[in-house]
Amino acid sequence: MRTTTAFPRVRLATLAGLLLGLGAFPALAQTEQEQVFKRIEEAWQDSDSRGVADHFAERVYLKIGGVNGQHSRDQARNKFAAYFDRIHVKRFKAEEIEGSSGTFVHEFEDANGDVQVRKVYIRLVHSEGAYRIDQLTQDGD
């Protein structure tokens, strides 16, 4: 004779998803800032300057590729796109994300064909209902 339990079988993936949604594993859940950093990382890795610039705040401090200063969103978008026109991204990877600050490793080929490795620091602020980049600096620029 076979006995059955009164509880239906639940797939482990379904249960894990439910528990994650309820916050049972807070370390696994991504914060809103982490999600923004992930989108920035993916766009940068794909050499999509527009995808990165979509996260710019109304005013952005840029220090990258010879650009240094505070700019409006449109000015920053244009200057950032011009920088991407001069390089070839080989790798862009998050090194450390802590709250609204992120440090990334940026490996790229410059206009001379030389491979460069730099650290990029990005700071997010909550603006216009979302987390946006208000500061983006690269070492050595």
N, C-alpha and C. Protein backbone atom coordinates (compact mmCIF):
# COMPACT_ATOMS: atom_id res chain seq x y z
N MET A 1 0.84 -1.17 0.00
CA MET A 1 0.00 0.00 0.00
C MET A 1 0.89 1.24 0.00
N ARG A 2 0.55 2.17 -0.85
CA ARG A 2 1.34 3.39 -1.00
C ARG A 2 0.67 4.52 -0.24
N THR A 3 1.49 5.27 0.49
CA THR A 3 0.91 6.41 1.22
C THR A 3 1.36 7.70 0.54
N THR A 4 0.53 8.66 0.57
CA THR A 4 0.86 9.96 -0.01
C THR A 4 0.68 11.03 1.05
N THR A 5 1.36 12.10 0.85
CA THR A 5 1.21 13.20 1.80
C THR A 5 0.15 14.15 1.28
N ALA A 6 -0.31 14.97 2.13
CA ALA A 6 -1.34 15.93 1.75
C ALA A 6 -0.74 17.16 1.07
N PHE A 7 0.58 17.26 1.08
CA PHE A 7 1.24 18.43 0.48
C PHE A 7 1.64 18.12 -0.96
N PRO A 8 1.31 18.99 -1.88
CA PRO A 8 1.74 18.76 -3.26
C PRO A 8 3.25 18.95 -3.38
N ARG A 9 3.80 18.30 -4.37
CA ARG A 9 5.23 18.46 -4.61
C ARG A 9 5.48 19.82 -5.25
N VAL A 10 6.47 20.49 -4.76
CA VAL A 10 6.81 21.81 -5.28
C VAL A 10 8.22 21.74 -5.83
N ARG A 11 8.38 22.19 -7.03
CA ARG A 11 9.71 22.19 -7.62
C ARG A 11 10.61 23.13 -6.84
N LEU A 12 11.85 22.72 -6.66
CA LEU A 12 12.81 23.49 -5.89
C LEU A 12 13.00 24.89 -6.48
N ALA A 13 13.05 25.01 -7.79
CA ALA A 13 13.24 26.31 -8.42
C ALA A 13 12.07 27.24 -8.11
N THR A 14 10.86 26.70 -8.12
CA THR A 14 9.68 27.49 -7.81
C THR A 14 9.73 27.96 -6.36
N LEU A 15 10.09 27.07 -5.47
CA LEU A 15 10.19 27.41 -4.06
C LEU A 15 11.28 28.46 -3.82
N ALA A 16 12.42 28.29 -4.46
CA ALA A 16 13.51 29.25 -4.30
C ALA A 16 13.09 30.63 -4.82
N GLY A 17 12.40 30.65 -5.95
CA GLY A 17 11.93 31.92 -6.50
C GLY A 17 10.94 32.60 -5.58
N LEU A 18 10.06 31.82 -5.00
CA LEU A 18 9.08 32.36 -4.06
C LEU A 18 9.78 32.93 -2.83
N LEU A 19 10.73 32.18 -2.28
CA LEU A 19 11.45 32.65 -1.10
C LEU A 19 12.27 33.89 -1.40
N LEU A 20 12.87 33.94 -2.58
CA LEU A 20 13.65 35.10 -2.97
C LEU A 20 12.74 36.32 -3.09
N GLY A 21 11.58 36.12 -3.69
CA GLY A 21 10.61 37.20 -3.84
C GLY A 21 10.12 37.72 -2.50
N LEU A 22 10.05 36.86 -1.52
CA LEU A 22 9.62 37.25 -0.19
C LEU A 22 10.76 37.83 0.64
N GLY A 23 11.96 37.83 0.08
CA GLY A 23 13.10 38.40 0.79
C GLY A 23 13.77 37.44 1.75
N ALA A 24 13.54 36.14 1.57
CA ALA A 24 14.14 35.16 2.46
C ALA A 24 15.65 35.09 2.29
N PHE A 25 16.15 35.46 1.12
CA PHE A 25 17.59 35.45 0.85
C PHE A 25 18.01 36.87 0.45
N PRO A 26 18.08 37.79 1.39
CA PRO A 26 18.37 39.17 1.02
C PRO A 26 19.73 39.35 0.35
N ALA A 27 20.69 38.50 0.65
CA ALA A 27 22.02 38.63 0.04
C ALA A 27 21.96 38.33 -1.46
N LEU A 28 20.98 37.55 -1.90
CA LEU A 28 20.86 37.21 -3.31
C LEU A 28 20.06 38.25 -4.09
N ALA A 29 19.23 39.00 -3.40
CA ALA A 29 18.41 40.00 -4.07
C ALA A 29 19.27 41.20 -4.43
N GLN A 30 19.09 41.71 -5.64
CA GLN A 30 19.85 42.87 -6.07
C GLN A 30 19.12 44.14 -5.67
N THR A 31 19.88 45.12 -5.19
CA THR A 31 19.30 46.42 -4.90
C THR A 31 19.08 47.15 -6.22
N GLU A 32 18.33 48.22 -6.14
CA GLU A 32 18.08 49.02 -7.34
C GLU A 32 19.40 49.57 -7.91
N GLN A 33 20.31 49.98 -7.01
CA GLN A 33 21.61 50.48 -7.47
C GLN A 33 22.39 49.38 -8.18
N GLU A 34 22.39 48.18 -7.62
CA GLU A 34 23.11 47.06 -8.24
C GLU A 34 22.56 46.74 -9.62
N GLN A 35 21.24 46.85 -9.77
CA GLN A 35 20.63 46.61 -11.08
C GLN A 35 21.08 47.65 -12.09
N VAL A 36 21.16 48.91 -11.67
CA VAL A 36 21.62 49.98 -12.56
C VAL A 36 23.08 49.74 -12.93
N PHE A 37 23.92 49.41 -11.94
CA PHE A 37 25.33 49.13 -12.22
C PHE A 37 25.47 47.97 -13.21
N LYS A 38 24.63 46.96 -13.08
CA LYS A 38 24.67 45.81 -13.99
C LYS A 38 24.34 46.24 -15.42
N ARG A 39 23.32 47.09 -15.58
CA ARG A 39 22.96 47.58 -16.91
C ARG A 39 24.08 48.44 -17.50
N ILE A 40 24.71 49.27 -16.66
CA ILE A 40 25.83 50.09 -17.12
C ILE A 40 26.98 49.19 -17.56
N GLU A 41 27.29 48.18 -16.75
CA GLU A 41 28.38 47.26 -17.06
C GLU A 41 28.14 46.55 -18.39
N GLU A 42 26.92 46.08 -18.61
CA GLU A 42 26.60 45.37 -19.85
C GLU A 42 26.69 46.30 -21.06
N ALA A 43 26.15 47.52 -20.93
CA ALA A 43 26.20 48.47 -22.05
C ALA A 43 27.65 48.84 -22.37
N TRP A 44 28.45 49.09 -21.34
CA TRP A 44 29.85 49.48 -21.56
C TRP A 44 30.61 48.35 -22.23
N GLN A 45 30.40 47.12 -21.74
CA GLN A 45 31.08 45.96 -22.32
C GLN A 45 30.72 45.80 -23.79
N ASP A 46 29.49 46.19 -24.16
CA ASP A 46 29.03 46.11 -25.55
C ASP A 46 29.41 47.35 -26.37
N SER A 47 30.23 48.23 -25.79
CA SER A 47 30.64 49.50 -26.43
C SER A 47 29.43 50.35 -26.81
N ASP A 48 28.41 50.31 -25.98
CA ASP A 48 27.18 51.05 -26.21
C ASP A 48 27.19 52.32 -25.35
N SER A 49 27.85 53.37 -25.86
CA SER A 49 27.96 54.60 -25.07
C SER A 49 26.58 55.18 -24.77
N ARG A 50 25.66 55.03 -25.69
CA ARG A 50 24.30 55.53 -25.50
C ARG A 50 23.62 54.80 -24.34
N GLY A 51 23.83 53.49 -24.25
CA GLY A 51 23.26 52.70 -23.15
C GLY A 51 23.78 53.13 -21.79
N VAL A 52 25.05 53.51 -21.74
CA VAL A 52 25.63 54.03 -20.49
C VAL A 52 25.07 55.42 -20.23
N ALA A 53 25.09 56.27 -21.25
CA ALA A 53 24.67 57.67 -21.10
C ALA A 53 23.18 57.80 -20.76
N ASP A 54 22.39 56.79 -21.06
CA ASP A 54 20.98 56.81 -20.67
C ASP A 54 20.82 56.89 -19.16
N HIS A 55 21.87 56.58 -18.43
CA HIS A 55 21.83 56.60 -16.96
C HIS A 55 22.41 57.89 -16.39
N PHE A 56 22.77 58.85 -17.24
CA PHE A 56 23.33 60.11 -16.75
C PHE A 56 22.25 60.94 -16.05
N ALA A 57 22.66 61.60 -14.97
CA ALA A 57 21.79 62.55 -14.28
C ALA A 57 21.73 63.84 -15.10
N GLU A 58 20.94 64.79 -14.63
CA GLU A 58 20.79 66.07 -15.33
C GLU A 58 22.13 66.81 -15.44
N ARG A 59 22.96 66.71 -14.41
CA ARG A 59 24.32 67.26 -14.41
C ARG A 59 25.26 66.11 -14.09
N VAL A 60 26.35 65.99 -14.86
CA VAL A 60 27.29 64.88 -14.70
C VAL A 60 28.71 65.42 -14.65
N TYR A 61 29.48 64.94 -13.67
CA TYR A 61 30.90 65.25 -13.63
C TYR A 61 31.62 64.12 -14.35
N LEU A 62 32.32 64.44 -15.44
CA LEU A 62 33.08 63.45 -16.21
C LEU A 62 34.56 63.76 -16.12
N LYS A 63 35.34 62.72 -15.94
CA LYS A 63 36.80 62.81 -16.05
C LYS A 63 37.24 61.54 -16.75
N ILE A 64 37.25 61.60 -18.07
CA ILE A 64 37.57 60.42 -18.87
C ILE A 64 37.97 60.87 -20.28
N GLY A 65 39.00 60.27 -20.81
CA GLY A 65 39.41 60.53 -22.19
C GLY A 65 39.69 61.99 -22.51
N GLY A 66 40.31 62.72 -21.59
CA GLY A 66 40.62 64.12 -21.82
C GLY A 66 39.50 65.08 -21.47
N VAL A 67 38.35 64.57 -21.12
CA VAL A 67 37.23 65.39 -20.69
C VAL A 67 37.30 65.50 -19.17
N ASN A 68 37.17 66.71 -18.65
CA ASN A 68 37.25 66.89 -17.21
C ASN A 68 36.37 68.06 -16.81
N GLY A 69 35.25 67.77 -16.15
CA GLY A 69 34.40 68.85 -15.67
C GLY A 69 32.94 68.46 -15.58
N GLN A 70 32.16 69.42 -15.13
CA GLN A 70 30.71 69.27 -14.94
C GLN A 70 30.02 69.59 -16.26
N HIS A 71 29.07 68.75 -16.66
CA HIS A 71 28.40 68.94 -17.94
C HIS A 71 26.91 68.66 -17.81
N SER A 72 26.13 69.26 -18.69
CA SER A 72 24.71 68.90 -18.78
C SER A 72 24.63 67.48 -19.31
N ARG A 73 23.48 66.88 -19.18
CA ARG A 73 23.31 65.50 -19.66
C ARG A 73 23.64 65.39 -21.15
N ASP A 74 23.14 66.32 -21.96
CA ASP A 74 23.38 66.26 -23.40
C ASP A 74 24.85 66.46 -23.74
N GLN A 75 25.50 67.42 -23.09
CA GLN A 75 26.93 67.64 -23.32
C GLN A 75 27.73 66.39 -22.93
N ALA A 76 27.40 65.84 -21.76
CA ALA A 76 28.12 64.65 -21.27
C ALA A 76 27.91 63.48 -22.22
N ARG A 77 26.69 63.32 -22.71
CA ARG A 77 26.38 62.23 -23.64
C ARG A 77 27.25 62.35 -24.90
N ASN A 78 27.37 63.56 -25.44
CA ASN A 78 28.17 63.78 -26.65
C ASN A 78 29.65 63.55 -26.40
N LYS A 79 30.16 64.05 -25.30
CA LYS A 79 31.58 63.88 -24.97
C LYS A 79 31.91 62.42 -24.70
N PHE A 80 31.00 61.73 -24.04
CA PHE A 80 31.19 60.31 -23.74
C PHE A 80 31.18 59.49 -25.03
N ALA A 81 30.27 59.81 -25.94
CA ALA A 81 30.20 59.11 -27.24
C ALA A 81 31.48 59.34 -28.04
N ALA A 82 32.01 60.57 -27.99
CA ALA A 82 33.26 60.86 -28.70
C ALA A 82 34.41 60.04 -28.13
N TYR A 83 34.42 59.85 -26.82
CA TYR A 83 35.45 59.01 -26.18
C TYR A 83 35.34 57.58 -26.70
N PHE A 84 34.13 57.06 -26.77
CA PHE A 84 33.92 55.68 -27.23
C PHE A 84 34.28 55.51 -28.71
N ASP A 85 34.21 56.59 -29.47
CA ASP A 85 34.60 56.54 -30.88
C ASP A 85 36.11 56.35 -31.03
N ARG A 86 36.88 56.71 -30.00
CA ARG A 86 38.35 56.65 -30.07
C ARG A 86 38.95 55.38 -29.48
N ILE A 87 38.13 54.56 -28.83
CA ILE A 87 38.67 53.37 -28.16
C ILE A 87 37.94 52.12 -28.63
N HIS A 88 38.50 50.97 -28.27
CA HIS A 88 37.84 49.69 -28.49
C HIS A 88 37.83 48.96 -27.14
N VAL A 89 36.64 48.78 -26.57
CA VAL A 89 36.51 48.13 -25.26
C VAL A 89 36.86 46.66 -25.38
N LYS A 90 37.77 46.21 -24.55
CA LYS A 90 38.12 44.80 -24.50
C LYS A 90 37.41 44.13 -23.31
N ARG A 91 37.35 44.88 -22.18
CA ARG A 91 36.73 44.31 -20.98
C ARG A 91 36.31 45.45 -20.07
N PHE A 92 35.13 45.31 -19.49
CA PHE A 92 34.65 46.25 -18.48
C PHE A 92 33.95 45.42 -17.42
N LYS A 93 34.52 45.35 -16.25
CA LYS A 93 34.04 44.42 -15.22
C LYS A 93 33.97 45.12 -13.87
N ALA A 94 32.88 44.88 -13.15
CA ALA A 94 32.73 45.43 -11.80
C ALA A 94 33.78 44.82 -10.89
N GLU A 95 34.42 45.66 -10.12
CA GLU A 95 35.39 45.21 -9.13
C GLU A 95 34.78 45.27 -7.74
N GLU A 96 34.10 46.37 -7.45
CA GLU A 96 33.46 46.52 -6.14
C GLU A 96 32.26 47.45 -6.27
N ILE A 97 31.13 46.98 -5.75
CA ILE A 97 29.92 47.78 -5.71
C ILE A 97 29.54 47.92 -4.25
N GLU A 98 29.42 49.15 -3.80
CA GLU A 98 29.04 49.39 -2.42
C GLU A 98 28.02 50.52 -2.39
N GLY A 99 26.76 50.15 -2.22
CA GLY A 99 25.70 51.15 -2.22
C GLY A 99 25.61 51.84 -3.57
N SER A 100 25.80 53.15 -3.55
CA SER A 100 25.69 53.95 -4.77
C SER A 100 27.03 54.22 -5.44
N SER A 101 28.08 53.53 -5.00
CA SER A 101 29.41 53.72 -5.59
C SER A 101 29.90 52.42 -6.20
N GLY A 102 30.49 52.52 -7.36
CA GLY A 102 31.03 51.33 -8.03
C GLY A 102 32.41 51.58 -8.59
N THR A 103 33.26 50.57 -8.48
CA THR A 103 34.60 50.60 -9.07
C THR A 103 34.66 49.50 -10.11
N PHE A 104 35.16 49.84 -11.29
CA PHE A 104 35.21 48.90 -12.41
C PHE A 104 36.61 48.85 -12.99
N VAL A 105 36.95 47.72 -13.60
CA VAL A 105 38.20 47.59 -14.34
C VAL A 105 37.86 47.75 -15.81
N HIS A 106 38.53 48.70 -16.46
CA HIS A 106 38.27 49.01 -17.87
C HIS A 106 39.53 48.71 -18.67
N GLU A 107 39.45 47.70 -19.51
CA GLU A 107 40.55 47.36 -20.41
C GLU A 107 40.11 47.72 -21.82
N PHE A 108 40.93 48.52 -22.49
CA PHE A 108 40.56 48.98 -23.82
C PHE A 108 41.79 49.18 -24.68
N GLU A 109 41.54 49.21 -25.97
CA GLU A 109 42.60 49.50 -26.94
C GLU A 109 42.42 50.96 -27.36
N ASP A 110 43.48 51.76 -27.19
CA ASP A 110 43.38 53.18 -27.53
C ASP A 110 43.56 53.40 -29.03
N ALA A 111 43.53 54.66 -29.45
CA ALA A 111 43.62 55.01 -30.87
C ALA A 111 44.93 54.57 -31.51
N ASN A 112 45.97 54.39 -30.69
CA ASN A 112 47.28 53.94 -31.20
C ASN A 112 47.40 52.43 -31.25
N GLY A 113 46.36 51.73 -30.81
CA GLY A 113 46.40 50.27 -30.79
C GLY A 113 47.02 49.69 -29.54
N ASP A 114 47.34 50.56 -28.57
CA ASP A 114 47.91 50.09 -27.30
C ASP A 114 46.80 49.69 -26.35
N VAL A 115 47.00 48.58 -25.62
CA VAL A 115 46.02 48.13 -24.64
C VAL A 115 46.28 48.86 -23.32
N GLN A 116 45.24 49.46 -22.80
CA GLN A 116 45.29 50.20 -21.54
C GLN A 116 44.36 49.53 -20.53
N VAL A 117 44.74 49.59 -19.26
CA VAL A 117 43.87 49.11 -18.19
C VAL A 117 43.75 50.24 -17.18
N ARG A 118 42.51 50.63 -16.90
CA ARG A 118 42.25 51.74 -15.98
C ARG A 118 41.12 51.36 -15.03
N LYS A 119 41.07 52.07 -13.92
CA LYS A 119 39.94 51.94 -12.98
C LYS A 119 38.95 53.04 -13.31
N VAL A 120 37.69 52.68 -13.28
CA VAL A 120 36.61 53.64 -13.49
C VAL A 120 35.76 53.66 -12.22
N TYR A 121 35.48 54.86 -11.76
CA TYR A 121 34.66 55.05 -10.56
C TYR A 121 33.36 55.71 -10.98
N ILE A 122 32.25 55.12 -10.54
CA ILE A 122 30.94 55.66 -10.88
C ILE A 122 30.15 55.86 -9.60
N ARG A 123 29.53 57.05 -9.49
CA ARG A 123 28.66 57.33 -8.35
C ARG A 123 27.25 57.58 -8.86
N LEU A 124 26.30 56.97 -8.21
CA LEU A 124 24.89 57.15 -8.55
C LEU A 124 24.21 58.05 -7.52
N VAL A 125 23.23 58.80 -7.98
CA VAL A 125 22.36 59.57 -7.09
C VAL A 125 20.92 59.25 -7.48
N HIS A 126 20.01 59.39 -6.52
CA HIS A 126 18.61 59.18 -6.84
C HIS A 126 18.06 60.49 -7.38
N SER A 127 17.69 60.47 -8.65
CA SER A 127 17.26 61.68 -9.34
C SER A 127 16.21 61.31 -10.38
N GLU A 128 15.18 62.12 -10.48
CA GLU A 128 14.14 61.90 -11.48
C GLU A 128 13.51 60.51 -11.34
N GLY A 129 13.37 60.03 -10.12
CA GLY A 129 12.71 58.76 -9.84
C GLY A 129 13.54 57.52 -10.08
N ALA A 130 14.84 57.68 -10.32
CA ALA A 130 15.70 56.51 -10.58
C ALA A 130 17.12 56.83 -10.12
N TYR A 131 17.94 55.80 -10.06
CA TYR A 131 19.36 56.01 -9.76
C TYR A 131 20.07 56.35 -11.06
N ARG A 132 20.81 57.46 -11.03
CA ARG A 132 21.49 57.97 -12.22
C ARG A 132 22.94 58.32 -11.90
N ILE A 133 23.77 58.29 -12.94
CA ILE A 133 25.19 58.62 -12.79
C ILE A 133 25.33 60.13 -12.66
N ASP A 134 25.95 60.57 -11.56
CA ASP A 134 26.26 62.00 -11.45
C ASP A 134 27.77 62.23 -11.46
N GLN A 135 28.53 61.14 -11.36
CA GLN A 135 29.98 61.26 -11.42
C GLN A 135 30.57 60.01 -12.05
N LEU A 136 31.45 60.20 -13.04
CA LEU A 136 32.13 59.10 -13.72
C LEU A 136 33.57 59.55 -13.97
N THR A 137 34.51 58.89 -13.30
CA THR A 137 35.92 59.25 -13.46
C THR A 137 36.74 58.01 -13.78
N GLN A 138 37.79 58.23 -14.54
CA GLN A 138 38.70 57.15 -14.90
C GLN A 138 40.11 57.55 -14.48
N ASP A 139 40.81 56.65 -13.78
CA ASP A 139 42.20 56.91 -13.40
C ASP A 139 43.04 57.20 -14.62
N GLY A 140 44.01 58.07 -14.43
CA GLY A 140 44.97 58.33 -15.50
C GLY A 140 44.50 59.31 -16.54
N ASP A 141 43.33 59.87 -16.37
CA ASP A 141 42.81 60.85 -17.34
C ASP A 141 42.75 62.22 -16.70
